[in-house]
């Protein structure tokens, strides 16, 4: 229900499904089609269904060398050929007498080039009928291809029970040198004792993230 710029000098709801189902499909596929118009997905846990929306969230879990299985970490870089630089959204435009219309998002670095390498992605989004909505989806999908460049995988134990697909996590690992992580040997409300030595550069501020037994993560600034 958030109100956002509609691209025409006014505002409208960020996401809205405006459509009918006039063909044969499963209830699951119909529900997912609605979710596609709101950057959402359906998660099934046992007999429970919930909707997960792709939006800015706070992190819910911390993974580091202290709880990642040794040797399980893998990092993969997505090749450029698999990342689109031109996105085209097909939709029905309610302001154009309900005719089919197209909105596009293009990498600005290729504009003006005589022979850019076009990596086009075309998406049909039934249920979207507003131009501003289609514009935002084109930009969102274009930015996903532009900025999501790395995939990582790893194995953990019971620590993973506190997360689900779509959650935001904090991650540290020695291999790519993304911070330092491990286990705490002791601590108080103002101090922590690490299970390894770390070097703090003079005059530089760091963050220490500690996951408590109830899965909450506390973050404090430290400096030398």
C-alpha atoms as a PDB file:
ATOM      1  CA  UNK A   1       0.000   0.000   0.000  1.00  0.00           C
ATOM      2  CA  UNK A   2       3.019   2.331  -0.086  1.00  0.00           C
ATOM      3  CA  UNK A   3       2.357   5.349  -2.293  1.00  0.00           C
ATOM      4  CA  UNK A   4       5.064   6.004  -4.890  1.00  0.00           C
ATOM      5  CA  UNK A   5       5.599   8.282  -7.872  1.00  0.00           C
ATOM      6  CA  UNK A   6       3.353   7.184 -10.737  1.00  0.00           C
ATOM      7  CA  UNK A   7       5.598   8.801 -13.361  1.00  0.00           C
ATOM      8  CA  UNK A   8       2.871  11.287 -14.342  1.00  0.00           C
ATOM      9  CA  UNK A   9       3.105  13.843 -11.548  1.00  0.00           C
ATOM     10  CA  UNK A  10       0.994  11.945  -9.035  1.00  0.00           C
ATOM     11  CA  UNK A  11       1.212   8.918  -6.766  1.00  0.00           C
ATOM     12  CA  UNK A  12      -0.254   5.428  -6.700  1.00  0.00           C
ATOM     13  CA  UNK A  13       0.189   2.182  -4.799  1.00  0.00           C
ATOM     14  CA  UNK A  14       3.555   0.567  -5.352  1.00  0.00           C
ATOM     15  CA  UNK A  15       2.131  -2.831  -6.365  1.00  0.00           C
ATOM     16  CA  UNK A  16      -1.291  -3.760  -7.714  1.00  0.00           C
ATOM     17  CA  UNK A  17      -2.580  -6.834  -9.516  1.00  0.00           C
ATOM     18  CA  UNK A  18      -5.365  -5.957 -11.956  1.00  0.00           C
ATOM     19  CA  UNK A  19      -6.374  -9.007 -13.950  1.00  0.00           C
ATOM     20  CA  UNK A  20      -8.613 -12.035 -14.389  1.00  0.00           C
ATOM     21  CA  UNK A  21      -7.956 -15.740 -14.836  1.00  0.00           C
ATOM     22  CA  UNK A  22      -9.778 -16.928 -17.932  1.00  0.00           C
ATOM     23  CA  UNK A  23      -7.787 -20.086 -18.569  1.00  0.00           C
ATOM     24  CA  UNK A  24      -6.917 -23.318 -16.842  1.00  0.00           C
ATOM     25  CA  UNK A  25      -4.098 -23.250 -14.279  1.00  0.00           C
ATOM     26  CA  UNK A  26      -3.399 -24.534 -10.808  1.00  0.00           C
ATOM     27  CA  UNK A  27      -4.167 -22.437  -7.761  1.00  0.00           C
ATOM     28  CA  UNK A  28      -0.436 -22.344  -7.021  1.00  0.00           C
ATOM     29  CA  UNK A  29       0.415 -20.947 -10.471  1.00  0.00           C
ATOM     30  CA  UNK A  30      -2.390 -18.387 -10.194  1.00  0.00           C
ATOM     31  CA  UNK A  31      -1.155 -17.215  -6.808  1.00  0.00           C
ATOM     32  CA  UNK A  32       2.417 -16.995  -8.062  1.00  0.00           C
ATOM     33  CA  UNK A  33       1.263 -14.930 -11.060  1.00  0.00           C
ATOM     34  CA  UNK A  34      -0.218 -12.423  -8.625  1.00  0.00           C
ATOM     35  CA  UNK A  35       2.981 -12.455  -6.583  1.00  0.00           C
ATOM     36  CA  UNK A  36       5.060 -11.740  -9.696  1.00  0.00           C
ATOM     37  CA  UNK A  37       3.381  -8.332  -9.915  1.00  0.00           C
ATOM     38  CA  UNK A  38       4.601  -7.482  -6.419  1.00  0.00           C
ATOM     39  CA  UNK A  39       8.151  -8.913  -6.412  1.00  0.00           C
ATOM     40  CA  UNK A  40       6.970 -11.657  -4.104  1.00  0.00           C
ATOM     41  CA  UNK A  41       7.089 -15.428  -3.894  1.00  0.00           C
ATOM     42  CA  UNK A  42       5.198 -18.091  -1.982  1.00  0.00           C
ATOM     43  CA  UNK A  43       7.006 -20.173   0.615  1.00  0.00           C
ATOM     44  CA  UNK A  44       5.650 -23.471   1.861  1.00  0.00           C
ATOM     45  CA  UNK A  45       6.773 -24.804   5.228  1.00  0.00           C
ATOM     46  CA  UNK A  46       4.929 -27.961   6.156  1.00  0.00           C
ATOM     47  CA  UNK A  47       1.249 -27.077   5.964  1.00  0.00           C
ATOM     48  CA  UNK A  48       1.916 -23.335   6.208  1.00  0.00           C
ATOM     49  CA  UNK A  49       2.039 -20.910   3.276  1.00  0.00           C
ATOM     50  CA  UNK A  50       3.495 -17.424   3.509  1.00  0.00           C
ATOM     51  CA  UNK A  51       4.338 -14.640   1.083  1.00  0.00           C
ATOM     52  CA  UNK A  52       7.895 -13.296   0.950  1.00  0.00           C
ATOM     53  CA  UNK A  53       8.394  -9.866  -0.641  1.00  0.00           C
ATOM     54  CA  UNK A  54      11.729  -8.799  -2.113  1.00  0.00           C
ATOM     55  CA  UNK A  55      12.330  -5.496  -0.311  1.00  0.00           C
ATOM     56  CA  UNK A  56      14.835  -3.805   1.969  1.00  0.00           C
ATOM     57  CA  UNK A  57      15.045  -5.721   5.254  1.00  0.00           C
ATOM     58  CA  UNK A  58      17.314  -5.972   8.266  1.00  0.00           C
ATOM     59  CA  UNK A  59      19.570  -9.012   8.515  1.00  0.00           C
ATOM     60  CA  UNK A  60      18.222 -11.936  10.515  1.00  0.00           C
ATOM     61  CA  UNK A  61      21.234 -14.246  10.809  1.00  0.00           C
ATOM     62  CA  UNK A  62      25.020 -14.274  10.923  1.00  0.00           C
ATOM     63  CA  UNK A  63      27.246 -16.813   9.173  1.00  0.00           C
ATOM     64  CA  UNK A  64      31.020 -16.980   9.523  1.00  0.00           C
ATOM     65  CA  UNK A  65      33.892 -19.420   9.956  1.00  0.00           C
ATOM     66  CA  UNK A  66      32.387 -20.229  13.345  1.00  0.00           C
ATOM     67  CA  UNK A  67      29.301 -21.993  11.965  1.00  0.00           C
ATOM     68  CA  UNK A  68      30.050 -22.783   8.306  1.00  0.00           C
ATOM     69  CA  UNK A  69      31.132 -26.349   7.572  1.00  0.00           C
ATOM     70  CA  UNK A  70      34.797 -26.432   6.636  1.00  0.00           C
ATOM     71  CA  UNK A  71      35.371 -26.786   2.893  1.00  0.00           C
ATOM     72  CA  UNK A  72      31.728 -26.140   1.940  1.00  0.00           C
ATOM     73  CA  UNK A  73      32.050 -22.506   0.853  1.00  0.00           C
ATOM     74  CA  UNK A  74      31.865 -21.845  -2.899  1.00  0.00           C
ATOM     75  CA  UNK A  75      31.800 -18.522  -4.742  1.00  0.00           C
ATOM     76  CA  UNK A  76      30.629 -18.192  -8.335  1.00  0.00           C
ATOM     77  CA  UNK A  77      30.767 -15.085 -10.496  1.00  0.00           C
ATOM     78  CA  UNK A  78      27.991 -14.687 -13.020  1.00  0.00           C
ATOM     79  CA  UNK A  79      29.408 -14.251 -16.527  1.00  0.00           C
ATOM     80  CA  UNK A  80      28.523 -11.047 -18.354  1.00  0.00           C
ATOM     81  CA  UNK A  81      26.700 -13.021 -21.049  1.00  0.00           C
ATOM     82  CA  UNK A  82      24.177 -14.176 -18.427  1.00  0.00           C
ATOM     83  CA  UNK A  83      23.394 -10.642 -17.191  1.00  0.00           C
ATOM     84  CA  UNK A  84      20.904  -8.690 -19.282  1.00  0.00           C
ATOM     85  CA  UNK A  85      21.623  -5.065 -20.192  1.00  0.00           C
ATOM     86  CA  UNK A  86      18.224  -4.456 -21.768  1.00  0.00           C
ATOM     87  CA  UNK A  87      14.891  -5.379 -20.153  1.00  0.00           C
ATOM     88  CA  UNK A  88      11.518  -5.237 -21.855  1.00  0.00           C
ATOM     89  CA  UNK A  89       8.239  -5.544 -19.906  1.00  0.00           C
ATOM     90  CA  UNK A  90       5.090  -6.487 -21.826  1.00  0.00           C
ATOM     91  CA  UNK A  91       1.835  -5.438 -20.159  1.00  0.00           C
ATOM     92  CA  UNK A  92      -1.709  -4.239 -20.835  1.00  0.00           C
ATOM     93  CA  UNK A  93      -1.960  -0.451 -20.484  1.00  0.00           C
ATOM     94  CA  UNK A  94      -5.191   0.755 -18.860  1.00  0.00           C
ATOM     95  CA  UNK A  95      -4.453   4.311 -20.075  1.00  0.00           C
ATOM     96  CA  UNK A  96      -4.100   3.133 -23.670  1.00  0.00           C
ATOM     97  CA  UNK A  97      -7.564   1.599 -24.035  1.00  0.00           C
ATOM     98  CA  UNK A  98      -6.287  -1.676 -22.518  1.00  0.00           C
ATOM     99  CA  UNK A  99      -3.988  -2.362 -25.449  1.00  0.00           C
ATOM    100  CA  UNK A 100      -0.679  -4.192 -25.167  1.00  0.00           C
ATOM    101  CA  UNK A 101       2.245  -1.922 -24.363  1.00  0.00           C
ATOM    102  CA  UNK A 102       5.954  -2.137 -23.604  1.00  0.00           C
ATOM    103  CA  UNK A 103       8.264  -0.496 -21.070  1.00  0.00           C
ATOM    104  CA  UNK A 104      12.042  -0.804 -21.288  1.00  0.00           C
ATOM    105  CA  UNK A 105      15.151  -0.298 -19.178  1.00  0.00           C
ATOM    106  CA  UNK A 106      18.567  -0.087 -20.825  1.00  0.00           C
ATOM    107  CA  UNK A 107      22.127   0.109 -19.564  1.00  0.00           C
ATOM    108  CA  UNK A 108      23.116   3.784 -20.018  1.00  0.00           C
ATOM    109  CA  UNK A 109      26.718   2.793 -20.768  1.00  0.00           C
ATOM    110  CA  UNK A 110      25.596   1.179 -24.048  1.00  0.00           C
ATOM    111  CA  UNK A 111      23.548   4.152 -25.233  1.00  0.00           C
ATOM    112  CA  UNK A 112      25.187   5.859 -28.163  1.00  0.00           C
ATOM    113  CA  UNK A 113      27.345   2.882 -29.067  1.00  0.00           C
ATOM    114  CA  UNK A 114      27.139   1.870 -32.706  1.00  0.00           C
ATOM    115  CA  UNK A 115      27.312  -1.856 -31.978  1.00  0.00           C
ATOM    116  CA  UNK A 116      26.547  -2.613 -28.319  1.00  0.00           C
ATOM    117  CA  UNK A 117      26.313  -6.224 -27.253  1.00  0.00           C
ATOM    118  CA  UNK A 118      22.596  -6.580 -26.595  1.00  0.00           C
ATOM    119  CA  UNK A 119      21.618  -9.064 -23.878  1.00  0.00           C
ATOM    120  CA  UNK A 120      17.867  -8.676 -23.900  1.00  0.00           C
ATOM    121  CA  UNK A 121      15.380 -10.026 -21.371  1.00  0.00           C
ATOM    122  CA  UNK A 122      11.681  -9.958 -22.228  1.00  0.00           C
ATOM    123  CA  UNK A 123       9.120 -10.473 -19.464  1.00  0.00           C
ATOM    124  CA  UNK A 124       5.327 -10.761 -19.723  1.00  0.00           C
ATOM    125  CA  UNK A 125       3.587  -9.520 -16.582  1.00  0.00           C
ATOM    126  CA  UNK A 126      -0.173 -10.067 -16.771  1.00  0.00           C
ATOM    127  CA  UNK A 127      -1.902  -8.160 -14.002  1.00  0.00           C
ATOM    128  CA  UNK A 128       0.182  -5.008 -14.391  1.00  0.00           C
ATOM    129  CA  UNK A 129      -1.890  -2.328 -16.123  1.00  0.00           C
ATOM    130  CA  UNK A 130      -0.226   0.911 -15.021  1.00  0.00           C
ATOM    131  CA  UNK A 131       2.680   2.451 -16.940  1.00  0.00           C
ATOM    132  CA  UNK A 132       4.472   3.616 -13.792  1.00  0.00           C
ATOM    133  CA  UNK A 133       4.275   0.100 -12.339  1.00  0.00           C
ATOM    134  CA  UNK A 134       5.672  -1.409 -15.548  1.00  0.00           C
ATOM    135  CA  UNK A 135       8.494   1.162 -15.578  1.00  0.00           C
ATOM    136  CA  UNK A 136       9.523   0.265 -12.026  1.00  0.00           C
ATOM    137  CA  UNK A 137       9.517  -3.459 -12.827  1.00  0.00           C
ATOM    138  CA  UNK A 138      11.700  -2.890 -15.885  1.00  0.00           C
ATOM    139  CA  UNK A 139      14.213  -0.906 -13.808  1.00  0.00           C
ATOM    140  CA  UNK A 140      14.100  -3.432 -10.951  1.00  0.00           C
ATOM    141  CA  UNK A 141      14.794  -6.397 -13.213  1.00  0.00           C
ATOM    142  CA  UNK A 142      17.480  -4.494 -15.085  1.00  0.00           C
ATOM    143  CA  UNK A 143      19.220  -3.560 -11.812  1.00  0.00           C
ATOM    144  CA  UNK A 144      18.984  -7.184 -10.633  1.00  0.00           C
ATOM    145  CA  UNK A 145      20.939  -8.266 -13.699  1.00  0.00           C
ATOM    146  CA  UNK A 146      23.383  -5.391 -13.389  1.00  0.00           C
ATOM    147  CA  UNK A 147      24.269  -5.601  -9.710  1.00  0.00           C
ATOM    148  CA  UNK A 148      23.731  -9.263  -8.741  1.00  0.00           C
ATOM    149  CA  UNK A 149      27.084 -10.563  -9.944  1.00  0.00           C
ATOM    150  CA  UNK A 150      28.065 -13.211  -7.406  1.00  0.00           C
ATOM    151  CA  UNK A 151      26.454 -16.337  -5.987  1.00  0.00           C
ATOM    152  CA  UNK A 152      27.771 -18.057  -2.922  1.00  0.00           C
ATOM    153  CA  UNK A 153      26.879 -21.365  -1.325  1.00  0.00           C
ATOM    154  CA  UNK A 154      27.856 -23.016   1.944  1.00  0.00           C
ATOM    155  CA  UNK A 155      26.678 -25.634   4.409  1.00  0.00           C
ATOM    156  CA  UNK A 156      25.734 -25.073   8.034  1.00  0.00           C
ATOM    157  CA  UNK A 157      24.081 -26.990  10.817  1.00  0.00           C
ATOM    158  CA  UNK A 158      21.169 -25.966  12.999  1.00  0.00           C
ATOM    159  CA  UNK A 159      22.104 -22.292  12.605  1.00  0.00           C
ATOM    160  CA  UNK A 160      20.257 -22.261   9.285  1.00  0.00           C
ATOM    161  CA  UNK A 161      16.921 -23.013  10.913  1.00  0.00           C
ATOM    162  CA  UNK A 162      16.510 -19.314  11.671  1.00  0.00           C
ATOM    163  CA  UNK A 163      16.531 -18.270   8.007  1.00  0.00           C
ATOM    164  CA  UNK A 164      14.332 -18.833   4.986  1.00  0.00           C
ATOM    165  CA  UNK A 165      14.575 -17.992   1.267  1.00  0.00           C
ATOM    166  CA  UNK A 166      14.653 -14.244   0.733  1.00  0.00           C
ATOM    167  CA  UNK A 167      16.099 -13.353   4.140  1.00  0.00           C
ATOM    168  CA  UNK A 168      19.021 -10.932   4.496  1.00  0.00           C
ATOM    169  CA  UNK A 169      22.097 -12.334   6.247  1.00  0.00           C
ATOM    170  CA  UNK A 170      25.489 -11.083   7.393  1.00  0.00           C
ATOM    171  CA  UNK A 171      28.377 -13.145   6.040  1.00  0.00           C
ATOM    172  CA  UNK A 172      32.093 -13.315   6.778  1.00  0.00           C
ATOM    173  CA  UNK A 173      34.665 -15.777   5.457  1.00  0.00           C
ATOM    174  CA  UNK A 174      38.436 -16.059   5.294  1.00  0.00           C
ATOM    175  CA  UNK A 175      38.691 -17.215   1.670  1.00  0.00           C
ATOM    176  CA  UNK A 176      37.404 -14.030  -0.038  1.00  0.00           C
ATOM    177  CA  UNK A 177      38.657 -12.053   2.995  1.00  0.00           C
ATOM    178  CA  UNK A 178      35.225 -10.708   3.848  1.00  0.00           C
ATOM    179  CA  UNK A 179      35.924  -9.814   7.465  1.00  0.00           C
ATOM    180  CA  UNK A 180      36.830 -12.300  10.195  1.00  0.00           C
ATOM    181  CA  UNK A 181      34.552 -14.699  12.002  1.00  0.00           C
ATOM    182  CA  UNK A 182      34.637 -17.413  14.606  1.00  0.00           C
ATOM    183  CA  UNK A 183      33.355 -18.330  18.047  1.00  0.00           C
ATOM    184  CA  UNK A 184      33.369 -16.314  21.255  1.00  0.00           C
ATOM    185  CA  UNK A 185      35.203 -17.837  24.175  1.00  0.00           C
ATOM    186  CA  UNK A 186      33.890 -15.373  26.728  1.00  0.00           C
ATOM    187  CA  UNK A 187      32.225 -11.992  26.993  1.00  0.00           C
ATOM    188  CA  UNK A 188      30.530  -9.372  29.098  1.00  0.00           C
ATOM    189  CA  UNK A 189      28.209  -6.475  28.307  1.00  0.00           C
ATOM    190  CA  UNK A 190      31.220  -4.431  27.154  1.00  0.00           C
ATOM    191  CA  UNK A 191      33.913  -6.956  26.129  1.00  0.00           C
ATOM    192  CA  UNK A 192      34.272 -10.115  24.047  1.00  0.00           C
ATOM    193  CA  UNK A 193      37.057 -12.691  23.892  1.00  0.00           C
ATOM    194  CA  UNK A 194      37.590 -14.129  20.420  1.00  0.00           C
ATOM    195  CA  UNK A 195      38.915 -17.586  19.587  1.00  0.00           C
ATOM    196  CA  UNK A 196      41.554 -16.092  17.300  1.00  0.00           C
ATOM    197  CA  UNK A 197      43.803 -13.049  17.101  1.00  0.00           C
ATOM    198  CA  UNK A 198      42.756 -10.127  14.914  1.00  0.00           C
ATOM    199  CA  UNK A 199      44.677  -6.973  14.058  1.00  0.00           C
ATOM    200  CA  UNK A 200      42.959  -3.593  14.297  1.00  0.00           C
ATOM    201  CA  UNK A 201      44.473  -0.736  12.307  1.00  0.00           C
ATOM    202  CA  UNK A 202      45.076   2.416  14.314  1.00  0.00           C
ATOM    203  CA  UNK A 203      42.441   5.089  13.809  1.00  0.00           C
ATOM    204  CA  UNK A 204      40.052   2.764  11.978  1.00  0.00           C
ATOM    205  CA  UNK A 205      36.608   1.804  13.267  1.00  0.00           C
ATOM    206  CA  UNK A 206      35.320  -1.764  12.928  1.00  0.00           C
ATOM    207  CA  UNK A 207      32.053  -3.517  13.661  1.00  0.00           C
ATOM    208  CA  UNK A 208      31.682  -6.634  15.762  1.00  0.00           C
ATOM    209  CA  UNK A 209      28.504  -8.634  15.159  1.00  0.00           C
ATOM    210  CA  UNK A 210      27.568 -11.201  17.800  1.00  0.00           C
ATOM    211  CA  UNK A 211      24.782 -13.748  17.400  1.00  0.00           C
ATOM    212  CA  UNK A 212      23.163 -14.590  20.716  1.00  0.00           C
ATOM    213  CA  UNK A 213      21.561 -17.883  21.674  1.00  0.00           C
ATOM    214  CA  UNK A 214      18.092 -16.561  20.786  1.00  0.00           C
ATOM    215  CA  UNK A 215      19.306 -15.863  17.194  1.00  0.00           C
ATOM    216  CA  UNK A 216      19.314 -12.079  17.619  1.00  0.00           C
ATOM    217  CA  UNK A 217      22.402 -10.298  16.253  1.00  0.00           C
ATOM    218  CA  UNK A 218      23.977  -7.444  18.225  1.00  0.00           C
ATOM    219  CA  UNK A 219      26.383  -5.056  16.481  1.00  0.00           C
ATOM    220  CA  UNK A 220      28.888  -2.779  18.208  1.00  0.00           C
ATOM    221  CA  UNK A 221      31.554  -0.390  16.869  1.00  0.00           C
ATOM    222  CA  UNK A 222      35.134  -0.966  18.062  1.00  0.00           C
ATOM    223  CA  UNK A 223      38.416   0.801  17.366  1.00  0.00           C
ATOM    224  CA  UNK A 224      42.029   0.561  18.419  1.00  0.00           C
END
